[in-house]
PDB file of N, CA and C in Angstrom:
ATOM      1  N   MET A   1       2.935  74.561   4.784  1.00  0.00           N
ATOM      2  CA  MET A   1       2.187  73.148   5.282  1.00  0.00           C
ATOM      3  C   MET A   1       1.313  73.036   6.577  1.00  0.00           C
ATOM      4  N   ASP A   2       0.759  72.867   7.220  1.00  0.00           N
ATOM      5  CA  ASP A   2       0.333  72.804   8.485  1.00  0.00           C
ATOM      6  C   ASP A   2      -0.046  71.500   8.729  1.00  0.00           C
ATOM      7  N   ASN A   3      -0.275  71.401  10.093  1.00  0.00           N
ATOM      8  CA  ASN A   3      -0.330  70.212  10.502  1.00  0.00           C
ATOM      9  C   ASN A   3      -1.290  69.494  10.319  1.00  0.00           C
ATOM     10  N   ASN A   4      -2.591  69.863  10.185  1.00  0.00           N
ATOM     11  CA  ASN A   4      -3.539  68.932   9.119  1.00  0.00           C
ATOM     12  C   ASN A   4      -2.925  68.053   7.907  1.00  0.00           C
ATOM     13  N   GLU A   5      -2.309  69.234   7.350  1.00  0.00           N
ATOM     14  CA  GLU A   5      -1.953  68.730   5.586  1.00  0.00           C
ATOM     15  C   GLU A   5      -1.032  67.446   5.736  1.00  0.00           C
ATOM     16  N   VAL A   6       0.040  67.735   6.676  1.00  0.00           N
ATOM     17  CA  VAL A   6       1.136  66.950   6.927  1.00  0.00           C
ATOM     18  C   VAL A   6       0.514  65.398   7.750  1.00  0.00           C
ATOM     19  N   LEU A   7      -0.896  65.719   8.413  1.00  0.00           N
ATOM     20  CA  LEU A   7      -1.367  64.511   9.215  1.00  0.00           C
ATOM     21  C   LEU A   7      -2.197  63.869   8.121  1.00  0.00           C
ATOM     22  N   ASP A   8      -2.781  64.835   7.406  1.00  0.00           N
ATOM     23  CA  ASP A   8      -3.466  63.952   6.129  1.00  0.00           C
ATOM     24  C   ASP A   8      -2.618  63.212   5.240  1.00  0.00           C
ATOM     25  N   HIS A   9      -1.500  63.759   4.937  1.00  0.00           N
ATOM     26  CA  HIS A   9      -0.893  63.084   4.102  1.00  0.00           C
ATOM     27  C   HIS A   9       0.255  62.178   4.710  1.00  0.00           C
ATOM     28  N   LEU A  10       0.254  61.544   5.695  1.00  0.00           N
ATOM     29  CA  LEU A  10       0.733  60.820   6.465  1.00  0.00           C
ATOM     30  C   LEU A  10       0.194  59.805   6.441  1.00  0.00           C
ATOM     31  N   LEU A  11      -1.490  60.000   7.130  1.00  0.00           N
ATOM     32  CA  LEU A  11      -2.178  59.058   6.114  1.00  0.00           C
ATOM     33  C   LEU A  11      -2.950  58.622   5.430  1.00  0.00           C
ATOM     34  N   LYS A  12      -2.831  58.735   4.313  1.00  0.00           N
ATOM     35  CA  LYS A  12      -2.377  59.119   2.901  1.00  0.00           C
ATOM     36  C   LYS A  12      -1.276  57.668   2.429  1.00  0.00           C
ATOM     37  N   ILE A  13      -0.239  58.104   2.816  1.00  0.00           N
ATOM     38  CA  ILE A  13       0.971  56.898   2.628  1.00  0.00           C
ATOM     39  C   ILE A  13       0.146  56.251   3.707  1.00  0.00           C
ATOM     40  N   GLU A  14       0.215  55.881   4.661  1.00  0.00           N
ATOM     41  CA  GLU A  14       0.179  54.507   5.504  1.00  0.00           C
ATOM     42  C   GLU A  14      -1.828  54.221   5.197  1.00  0.00           C
ATOM     43  N   SER A  15      -2.277  54.606   4.101  1.00  0.00           N
ATOM     44  CA  SER A  15      -3.208  53.840   3.859  1.00  0.00           C
ATOM     45  C   SER A  15      -3.334  53.296   2.631  1.00  0.00           C
ATOM     46  N   GLU A  16      -2.173  53.326   1.970  1.00  0.00           N
ATOM     47  CA  GLU A  16      -1.198  52.944   0.750  1.00  0.00           C
ATOM     48  C   GLU A  16      -0.284  51.801   1.304  1.00  0.00           C
ATOM     49  N   ALA A  17       0.095  52.007   1.893  1.00  0.00           N
ATOM     50  CA  ALA A  17       0.784  50.650   2.670  1.00  0.00           C
ATOM     51  C   ALA A  17      -0.243  49.868   3.431  1.00  0.00           C
ATOM     52  N   ALA A  18      -0.712  49.963   3.326  1.00  0.00           N
ATOM     53  CA  ALA A  18      -1.554  48.940   4.691  1.00  0.00           C
ATOM     54  C   ALA A  18      -2.518  48.771   3.329  1.00  0.00           C
ATOM     55  N   ARG A  19      -2.452  49.127   2.051  1.00  0.00           N
ATOM     56  CA  ARG A  19      -3.340  48.359   0.821  1.00  0.00           C
ATOM     57  C   ARG A  19      -2.266  47.354   0.257  1.00  0.00           C
ATOM     58  N   MET A  20      -0.777  48.020   0.205  1.00  0.00           N
ATOM     59  CA  MET A  20      -0.067  47.200  -0.210  1.00  0.00           C
ATOM     60  C   MET A  20       0.145  46.195   0.174  1.00  0.00           C
ATOM     61  N   ILE A  21       0.209  46.123   1.893  1.00  0.00           N
ATOM     62  CA  ILE A  21       0.098  44.842   2.366  1.00  0.00           C
ATOM     63  C   ILE A  21      -0.857  44.032   1.680  1.00  0.00           C
ATOM     64  N   ASP A  22      -2.149  44.297   2.208  1.00  0.00           N
ATOM     65  CA  ASP A  22      -2.844  43.726   2.033  1.00  0.00           C
ATOM     66  C   ASP A  22      -3.373  42.949   0.741  1.00  0.00           C
ATOM     67  N   LYS A  23      -2.745  43.843  -0.384  1.00  0.00           N
ATOM     68  CA  LYS A  23      -2.380  42.864  -1.858  1.00  0.00           C
ATOM     69  C   LYS A  23      -1.340  42.297  -2.118  1.00  0.00           C
ATOM     70  N   ALA A  24      -0.223  42.294  -1.359  1.00  0.00           N
ATOM     71  CA  ALA A  24       1.245  41.114  -1.417  1.00  0.00           C
ATOM     72  C   ALA A  24       0.591  40.111  -0.404  1.00  0.00           C
ATOM     73  N   GLN A  25      -0.286  40.413   0.772  1.00  0.00           N
ATOM     74  CA  GLN A  25      -0.558  39.096   1.259  1.00  0.00           C
ATOM     75  C   GLN A  25      -1.796  38.333   0.937  1.00  0.00           C
ATOM     76  N   ALA A  26      -2.678  38.944  -0.616  1.00  0.00           N
ATOM     77  CA  ALA A  26      -3.621  38.105  -1.270  1.00  0.00           C
ATOM     78  C   ALA A  26      -2.397  37.525  -2.168  1.00  0.00           C
ATOM     79  N   ASP A  27      -1.290  37.923  -2.293  1.00  0.00           N
ATOM     80  CA  ASP A  27      -0.693  37.551  -3.901  1.00  0.00           C
ATOM     81  C   ASP A  27      -0.290  36.073  -2.974  1.00  0.00           C
ATOM     82  N   ALA A  28       0.246  36.407  -2.073  1.00  0.00           N
ATOM     83  CA  ALA A  28       1.154  35.205  -1.145  1.00  0.00           C
ATOM     84  C   ALA A  28       0.363  34.410  -0.649  1.00  0.00           C
ATOM     85  N   ASP A  29      -1.486  34.674  -0.796  1.00  0.00           N
ATOM     86  CA  ASP A  29      -1.969  33.805  -0.422  1.00  0.00           C
ATOM     87  C   ASP A  29      -2.869  33.058  -2.001  1.00  0.00           C
ATOM     88  N   ARG A  30      -2.600  32.932  -2.746  1.00  0.00           N
ATOM     89  CA  ARG A  30      -3.061  32.672  -3.684  1.00  0.00           C
ATOM     90  C   ARG A  30      -1.829  31.995  -4.264  1.00  0.00           C
ATOM     91  N   ARG A  31      -0.886  31.899  -4.437  1.00  0.00           N
ATOM     92  CA  ARG A  31       0.653  31.881  -4.967  1.00  0.00           C
ATOM     93  C   ARG A  31       0.854  30.045  -3.751  1.00  0.00           C
ATOM     94  N   ALA A  32       0.217  30.625  -2.621  1.00  0.00           N
ATOM     95  CA  ALA A  32       0.636  28.929  -1.830  1.00  0.00           C
ATOM     96  C   ALA A  32      -0.651  28.200  -2.313  1.00  0.00           C
ATOM     97  N   ALA A  33      -1.807  28.479  -2.043  1.00  0.00           N
ATOM     98  CA  ALA A  33      -2.974  28.301  -2.383  1.00  0.00           C
ATOM     99  C   ALA A  33      -2.570  26.682  -3.353  1.00  0.00           C
ATOM    100  N   GLU A  34      -2.028  28.329  -5.012  1.00  0.00           N
ATOM    101  CA  GLU A  34      -1.700  27.061  -6.341  1.00  0.00           C
ATOM    102  C   GLU A  34      -0.500  26.649  -6.065  1.00  0.00           C
ATOM    103  N   THR A  35       0.375  26.718  -5.237  1.00  0.00           N
ATOM    104  CA  THR A  35       1.177  25.599  -5.032  1.00  0.00           C
ATOM    105  C   THR A  35       0.981  24.295  -4.658  1.00  0.00           C
ATOM    106  N   GLU A  36      -0.139  24.611  -3.529  1.00  0.00           N
ATOM    107  CA  GLU A  36      -1.019  23.258  -2.499  1.00  0.00           C
ATOM    108  C   GLU A  36      -1.457  22.311  -3.728  1.00  0.00           C
ATOM    109  N   LYS A  37      -2.436  23.040  -4.821  1.00  0.00           N
ATOM    110  CA  LYS A  37      -2.950  22.857  -6.091  1.00  0.00           C
ATOM    111  C   LYS A  37      -1.752  21.693  -6.375  1.00  0.00           C
ATOM    112  N   HIS A  38      -1.078  22.307  -6.946  1.00  0.00           N
ATOM    113  CA  HIS A  38       0.039  21.371  -7.588  1.00  0.00           C
ATOM    114  C   HIS A  38       0.606  20.515  -7.379  1.00  0.00           C
ATOM    115  N   ASN A  39       0.814  20.786  -5.743  1.00  0.00           N
ATOM    116  CA  ASN A  39       0.935  19.651  -5.228  1.00  0.00           C
ATOM    117  C   ASN A  39       0.352  18.014  -5.025  1.00  0.00           C
ATOM    118  N   ARG A  40      -0.886  18.690  -4.792  1.00  0.00           N
ATOM    119  CA  ARG A  40      -1.869  17.255  -4.624  1.00  0.00           C
ATOM    120  C   ARG A  40      -2.060  16.431  -5.823  1.00  0.00           C
ATOM    121  N   THR A  41      -1.888  17.161  -6.969  1.00  0.00           N
ATOM    122  CA  THR A  41      -2.431  17.085  -8.007  1.00  0.00           C
ATOM    123  C   THR A  41      -0.775  15.736  -7.871  1.00  0.00           C
ATOM    124  N   VAL A  42       0.310  16.216  -7.789  1.00  0.00           N
ATOM    125  CA  VAL A  42       1.707  15.292  -8.593  1.00  0.00           C
ATOM    126  C   VAL A  42       1.765  14.549  -7.857  1.00  0.00           C
ATOM    127  N   TYR A  43       0.713  14.511  -6.392  1.00  0.00           N
ATOM    128  CA  TYR A  43       0.827  13.461  -5.059  1.00  0.00           C
ATOM    129  C   TYR A  43       0.053  12.454  -5.692  1.00  0.00           C
ATOM    130  N   ASP A  44      -0.990  12.885  -6.138  1.00  0.00           N
ATOM    131  CA  ASP A  44      -2.062  11.919  -5.978  1.00  0.00           C
ATOM    132  C   ASP A  44      -1.961  11.074  -7.616  1.00  0.00           C
ATOM    133  N   LYS A  45      -1.379  11.882  -8.385  1.00  0.00           N
ATOM    134  CA  LYS A  45      -1.255  10.933  -9.570  1.00  0.00           C
ATOM    135  C   LYS A  45      -0.263  10.149  -9.618  1.00  0.00           C
ATOM    136  N   ARG A  46       1.137  10.400  -9.042  1.00  0.00           N
ATOM    137  CA  ARG A  46       2.085   9.423  -7.786  1.00  0.00           C
ATOM    138  C   ARG A  46       2.120   8.487  -7.100  1.00  0.00           C
ATOM    139  N   TYR A  47       0.704   8.691  -6.091  1.00  0.00           N
ATOM    140  CA  TYR A  47       0.516   7.746  -5.612  1.00  0.00           C
ATOM    141  C   TYR A  47      -0.970   6.834  -6.585  1.00  0.00           C
ATOM    142  N   ARG A  48      -1.251   7.513  -7.484  1.00  0.00           N
ATOM    143  CA  ARG A  48      -2.317   6.199  -8.357  1.00  0.00           C
ATOM    144  C   ARG A  48      -1.233   5.702  -9.108  1.00  0.00           C
ATOM    145  N   GLU A  49       0.184   6.059  -9.577  1.00  0.00           N
ATOM    146  CA  GLU A  49       0.991   5.294  -9.820  1.00  0.00           C
ATOM    147  C   GLU A  49       1.133   3.763  -8.958  1.00  0.00           C
ATOM    148  N   GLU A  50       1.622   4.607  -8.178  1.00  0.00           N
ATOM    149  CA  GLU A  50       2.430   3.872  -7.221  1.00  0.00           C
ATOM    150  C   GLU A  50       1.787   2.264  -7.142  1.00  0.00           C
ATOM    151  N   THR A  51       0.350   2.810  -6.668  1.00  0.00           N
ATOM    152  CA  THR A  51      -0.558   1.892  -6.068  1.00  0.00           C
ATOM    153  C   THR A  51      -0.895   0.953  -7.039  1.00  0.00           C
ATOM    154  N   GLU A  52      -0.531   1.515  -8.940  1.00  0.00           N
ATOM    155  CA  GLU A  52      -1.287   0.248  -9.700  1.00  0.00           C
ATOM    156  C   GLU A  52       0.054  -0.584  -9.943  1.00  0.00           C
ATOM    157  N   LYS A  53       1.004  -0.281  -9.224  1.00  0.00           N
ATOM    158  CA  LYS A  53       1.710  -1.201  -9.597  1.00  0.00           C
ATOM    159  C   LYS A  53       2.602  -1.790  -8.522  1.00  0.00           C
ATOM    160  N   LEU A  54       2.402  -1.457  -7.615  1.00  0.00           N
ATOM    161  CA  LEU A  54       1.861  -2.282  -6.598  1.00  0.00           C
ATOM    162  C   LEU A  54       0.776  -3.584  -6.404  1.00  0.00           C
ATOM    163  N   GLU A  55      -0.078  -2.852  -6.878  1.00  0.00           N
ATOM    164  CA  GLU A  55      -1.131  -3.906  -7.397  1.00  0.00           C
ATOM    165  C   GLU A  55      -1.208  -4.552  -8.241  1.00  0.00           C
ATOM    166  N   ASN A  56      -0.361  -5.182  -9.267  1.00  0.00           N
ATOM    167  CA  ASN A  56       0.044  -5.398 -10.634  1.00  0.00           C
ATOM    168  C   ASN A  56       0.700  -6.261 -10.112  1.00  0.00           C
ATOM    169  N   ASN A  57       1.840  -6.205  -9.496  1.00  0.00           N
ATOM    170  CA  ASN A  57       2.913  -7.013  -8.909  1.00  0.00           C
ATOM    171  C   ASN A  57       2.525  -7.914  -7.865  1.00  0.00           C
ATOM    172  N   LEU A  58       1.352  -7.256  -6.809  1.00  0.00           N
ATOM    173  CA  LEU A  58       0.866  -8.769  -6.237  1.00  0.00           C
ATOM    174  C   LEU A  58      -0.107  -9.238  -6.975  1.00  0.00           C
ATOM    175  N   LYS A  59      -0.894  -9.038  -7.806  1.00  0.00           N
ATOM    176  CA  LYS A  59      -1.370  -9.593  -8.261  1.00  0.00           C
ATOM    177  C   LYS A  59      -0.641 -11.164  -9.906  1.00  0.00           C
ATOM    178  N   LEU A  60       0.462 -10.402 -10.181  1.00  0.00           N
ATOM    179  CA  LEU A  60       1.550 -11.566 -10.423  1.00  0.00           C
ATOM    180  C   LEU A  60       1.937 -12.048  -9.576  1.00  0.00           C
ATOM    181  N   SER A  61       2.539 -11.994  -8.555  1.00  0.00           N
ATOM    182  CA  SER A  61       2.519 -12.942  -7.610  1.00  0.00           C
ATOM    183  C   SER A  61       1.888 -13.937  -7.030  1.00  0.00           C
ATOM    184  N   MET A  62       1.114 -13.452  -6.581  1.00  0.00           N
ATOM    185  CA  MET A  62      -0.334 -14.744  -6.038  1.00  0.00           C
ATOM    186  C   MET A  62      -0.698 -14.902  -7.357  1.00  0.00           C
ATOM    187  N   GLU A  63      -0.441 -14.987  -9.103  1.00  0.00           N
ATOM    188  CA  GLU A  63      -0.421 -16.122 -10.163  1.00  0.00           C
ATOM    189  C   GLU A  63       0.736 -17.054  -9.884  1.00  0.00           C
ATOM    190  N   GLN A  64       1.849 -16.369 -10.113  1.00  0.00           N
ATOM    191  CA  GLN A  64       3.245 -17.380  -9.362  1.00  0.00           C
ATOM    192  C   GLN A  64       3.028 -18.628  -8.634  1.00  0.00           C
ATOM    193  N   VAL A  65       1.955 -18.021  -6.846  1.00  0.00           N
ATOM    194  CA  VAL A  65       1.859 -18.679  -6.356  1.00  0.00           C
ATOM    195  C   VAL A  65       0.668 -20.035  -6.648  1.00  0.00           C
ATOM    196  N   ARG A  66      -0.139 -19.692  -7.271  1.00  0.00           N
ATOM    197  CA  ARG A  66      -0.855 -20.425  -7.313  1.00  0.00           C
ATOM    198  C   ARG A  66      -0.255 -21.596  -9.112  1.00  0.00           C
ATOM    199  N   GLN A  67       0.236 -21.392  -9.584  1.00  0.00           N
ATOM    200  CA  GLN A  67       0.748 -21.935 -10.176  1.00  0.00           C
ATOM    201  C   GLN A  67       1.936 -23.023  -9.610  1.00  0.00           C
ATOM    202  N   ARG A  68       2.417 -22.537  -8.963  1.00  0.00           N
ATOM    203  CA  ARG A  68       3.268 -23.351  -8.383  1.00  0.00           C
ATOM    204  C   ARG A  68       2.885 -24.272  -7.133  1.00  0.00           C
ATOM    205  N   TYR A  69       1.735 -23.722  -6.487  1.00  0.00           N
ATOM    206  CA  TYR A  69       0.823 -24.571  -5.498  1.00  0.00           C
ATOM    207  C   TYR A  69       0.067 -26.093  -6.617  1.00  0.00           C
ATOM    208  N   GLU A  70      -0.726 -25.337  -7.966  1.00  0.00           N
ATOM    209  CA  GLU A  70      -0.882 -26.568  -8.450  1.00  0.00           C
ATOM    210  C   GLU A  70       0.084 -27.660  -9.064  1.00  0.00           C
ATOM    211  N   ALA A  71       1.436 -26.963  -9.395  1.00  0.00           N
ATOM    212  CA  ALA A  71       2.027 -28.060  -9.771  1.00  0.00           C
ATOM    213  C   ALA A  71       2.815 -28.918  -9.250  1.00  0.00           C
ATOM    214  N   GLU A  72       2.571 -28.348  -7.955  1.00  0.00           N
ATOM    215  CA  GLU A  72       3.126 -29.719  -6.585  1.00  0.00           C
ATOM    216  C   GLU A  72       2.233 -30.022  -6.183  1.00  0.00           C
ATOM    217  N   LEU A  73       0.628 -29.466  -5.942  1.00  0.00           N
ATOM    218  CA  LEU A  73       0.053 -30.673  -5.868  1.00  0.00           C
ATOM    219  C   LEU A  73      -0.375 -32.112  -6.683  1.00  0.00           C
ATOM    220  N   GLU A  74       0.061 -31.046  -8.250  1.00  0.00           N
ATOM    221  CA  GLU A  74      -0.393 -32.163  -9.374  1.00  0.00           C
ATOM    222  C   GLU A  74       0.909 -33.498  -9.090  1.00  0.00           C
ATOM    223  N   THR A  75       2.293 -32.942  -8.456  1.00  0.00           N
ATOM    224  CA  THR A  75       3.070 -34.006  -8.462  1.00  0.00           C
ATOM    225  C   THR A  75       3.237 -34.896  -7.340  1.00  0.00           C
ATOM    226  N   TYR A  76       2.334 -34.460  -6.212  1.00  0.00           N
ATOM    227  CA  TYR A  76       2.619 -35.334  -4.833  1.00  0.00           C
ATOM    228  C   TYR A  76       1.008 -35.823  -5.248  1.00  0.00           C
ATOM    229  N   LYS A  77      -0.133 -35.581  -5.948  1.00  0.00           N
ATOM    230  CA  LYS A  77      -1.196 -36.246  -6.793  1.00  0.00           C
ATOM    231  C   LYS A  77      -0.283 -37.754  -7.364  1.00  0.00           C
ATOM    232  N   GLN A  78       0.529 -37.428  -7.890  1.00  0.00           N
ATOM    233  CA  GLN A  78       1.054 -38.775  -9.106  1.00  0.00           C
ATOM    234  C   GLN A  78       2.129 -39.156  -8.283  1.00  0.00           C
ATOM    235  N   LYS A  79       2.485 -39.258  -7.430  1.00  0.00           N
ATOM    236  CA  LYS A  79       3.646 -39.616  -6.277  1.00  0.00           C
ATOM    237  C   LYS A  79       3.138 -40.440  -5.440  1.00  0.00           C
ATOM    238  N   THR A  80       1.990 -39.840  -4.895  1.00  0.00           N
ATOM    239  CA  THR A  80       0.884 -40.567  -3.363  1.00  0.00           C
ATOM    240  C   THR A  80       0.106 -41.958  -5.017  1.00  0.00           C
ATOM    241  N   ALA A  81      -0.272 -41.667  -5.945  1.00  0.00           N
ATOM    242  CA  ALA A  81      -1.285 -42.747  -7.070  1.00  0.00           C
ATOM    243  C   ALA A  81      -0.424 -43.957  -7.036  1.00  0.00           C
ATOM    244  N   SER A  82       0.615 -43.782  -7.223  1.00  0.00           N
ATOM    245  CA  SER A  82       1.990 -45.091  -7.479  1.00  0.00           C
ATOM    246  C   SER A  82       2.219 -45.536  -6.204  1.00  0.00           C
ATOM    247  N   TYR A  83       1.767 -45.147  -5.015  1.00  0.00           N
ATOM    248  CA  TYR A  83       2.045 -46.035  -3.593  1.00  0.00           C
ATOM    249  C   TYR A  83       1.510 -47.238  -4.202  1.00  0.00           C
ATOM    250  N   VAL A  84       1.949 -48.307  -3.574  1.00  0.00           N
ATOM    251  CA  VAL A  84       1.068 -49.882  -2.996  1.00  0.00           C
ATOM    252  C   VAL A  84       1.143 -49.860  -1.814  1.00  0.00           C
ATOM    253  N   ILE A  85      -0.431 -49.878  -1.547  1.00  0.00           N
ATOM    254  CA  ILE A  85      -1.006 -50.237  -0.231  1.00  0.00           C
ATOM    255  C   ILE A  85      -0.524 -51.290  -0.268  1.00  0.00           C
ATOM    256  N   ASP A  86      -0.259 -52.032   0.453  1.00  0.00           N
ATOM    257  CA  ASP A  86      -0.008 -53.470   1.118  1.00  0.00           C
ATOM    258  C   ASP A  86      -0.769 -53.485   2.223  1.00  0.00           C
ATOM    259  N   THR A  87      -2.025 -53.551   2.456  1.00  0.00           N
ATOM    260  CA  THR A  87      -3.097 -53.535   3.878  1.00  0.00           C
ATOM    261  C   THR A  87      -2.822 -54.784   4.982  1.00  0.00           C
ATOM    262  N   ASP A  88      -2.083 -55.721   4.346  1.00  0.00           N
ATOM    263  CA  ASP A  88      -1.807 -56.955   5.329  1.00  0.00           C
ATOM    264  C   ASP A  88      -0.881 -56.292   5.931  1.00  0.00           C
ATOM    265  N   LYS A  89       0.203 -56.352   5.468  1.00  0.00           N
ATOM    266  CA  LYS A  89       1.457 -55.464   6.176  1.00  0.00           C
ATOM    267  C   LYS A  89       1.066 -54.653   7.190  1.00  0.00           C
ATOM    268  N   PHE A  90      -0.041 -53.763   6.604  1.00  0.00           N
ATOM    269  CA  PHE A  90       0.007 -52.598   7.576  1.00  0.00           C
ATOM    270  C   PHE A  90      -0.468 -52.929   9.191  1.00  0.00           C
ATOM    271  N   SER A  91      -1.801 -54.110   8.722  1.00  0.00           N
ATOM    272  CA  SER A  91      -2.166 -54.727   9.385  1.00  0.00           C
ATOM    273  C   SER A  91      -1.549 -54.923  10.829  1.00  0.00           C
ATOM    274  N   ALA A  92      -0.493 -55.823  10.192  1.00  0.00           N
ATOM    275  CA  ALA A  92       0.444 -56.723  10.778  1.00  0.00           C
ATOM    276  C   ALA A  92       1.050 -55.641  12.019  1.00  0.00           C
ATOM    277  N   MET A  93       1.410 -54.837  11.390  1.00  0.00           N
ATOM    278  CA  MET A  93       2.010 -53.391  12.088  1.00  0.00           C
ATOM    279  C   MET A  93       1.750 -52.313  13.346  1.00  0.00           C
ATOM    280  N   LEU A  94       0.228 -52.320  12.818  1.00  0.00           N
ATOM    281  CA  LEU A  94      -0.806 -51.885  14.278  1.00  0.00           C
ATOM    282  C   LEU A  94      -0.971 -52.904  14.712  1.00  0.00           C
ATOM    283  N   ASP A  95      -1.270 -54.365  14.940  1.00  0.00           N
ATOM    284  CA  ASP A  95      -1.301 -55.362  15.654  1.00  0.00           C
ATOM    285  C   ASP A  95       0.233 -55.012  16.646  1.00  0.00           C
ATOM    286  N   LYS A  96       0.566 -55.047  15.982  1.00  0.00           N
ATOM    287  CA  LYS A  96       2.184 -55.328  16.617  1.00  0.00           C
ATOM    288  C   LYS A  96       2.612 -53.767  17.306  1.00  0.00           C
ATOM    289  N   LEU A  97       2.121 -52.459  17.185  1.00  0.00           N
ATOM    290  CA  LEU A  97       2.037 -51.627  18.182  1.00  0.00           C
ATOM    291  C   LEU A  97       1.360 -51.306  18.534  1.00  0.00           C
ATOM    292  N   VAL A  98      -0.246 -51.369  18.945  1.00  0.00           N
ATOM    293  CA  VAL A  98      -0.777 -51.192  19.321  1.00  0.00           C
ATOM    294  C   VAL A  98      -1.580 -52.600  20.298  1.00  0.00           C
ATOM    295  N   LEU A  99      -1.296 -53.290  19.920  1.00  0.00           N
ATOM    296  CA  LEU A  99      -1.371 -54.525  20.931  1.00  0.00           C
ATOM    297  C   LEU A  99      -0.119 -55.543  20.731  1.00  0.00           C
ATOM    298  N   PRO A 100       0.620 -55.082  21.740  1.00  0.00           N
ATOM    299  CA  PRO A 100       2.188 -55.788  21.715  1.00  0.00           C
ATOM    300  C   PRO A 100       2.034 -57.380  22.195  1.00  0.00           C
ATOM    301  N   GLU A 101       1.167 -57.581  23.598  1.00  0.00           N
ATOM    302  CA  GLU A 101       0.726 -58.841  23.437  1.00  0.00           C
ATOM    303  C   GLU A 101       0.510 -59.728  22.694  1.00  0.00           C
ATOM    304  N   ARG A 102      -0.210 -59.615  21.766  1.00  0.00           N
ATOM    305  CA  ARG A 102      -0.938 -60.024  20.560  1.00  0.00           C
ATOM    306  C   ARG A 102       0.330 -60.246  19.186  1.00  0.00           C
ATOM    307  N   GLY A 103       1.107 -59.485  18.836  1.00  0.00           N
ATOM    308  CA  GLY A 103       1.764 -59.469  17.678  1.00  0.00           C
ATOM    309  C   GLY A 103       2.699 -60.283  18.768  1.00  0.00           C
ATOM    310  N   ARG A 104       3.066 -60.250  19.158  1.00  0.00           N
ATOM    311  CA  ARG A 104       4.056 -62.083  19.970  1.00  0.00           C
ATOM    312  C   ARG A 104       3.384 -63.258  20.261  1.00  0.00           C
ATOM    313  N   MET A 105       2.288 -63.151  19.694  1.00  0.00           N
ATOM    314  CA  MET A 105       1.481 -64.585  19.389  1.00  0.00           C
ATOM    315  C   MET A 105       1.896 -65.125  18.506  1.00  0.00           C
TER     316      MET A 105
END
């Protein structure tokens, strides 16, 4: 085997090694892209589920607060509707507080 044949043989081996490396890199890139796509799909699904759960909890909480507010407001209205307003006593008290010299008269 002469030098040219040896060099030719080494170049063929190097070329084959380069093809194998390129193929392995392409394979790794493809797997990485597939994994990334899968992970994105899983993330998006979980994100939608959690968002929906949180929104439903918020709606439920808001409804509970609204009901509690309406109940308390109704209780307040009933309580204040039963108050007897004595305008004469109120006026007399104001006269005493605002015009102390007049209240002594």
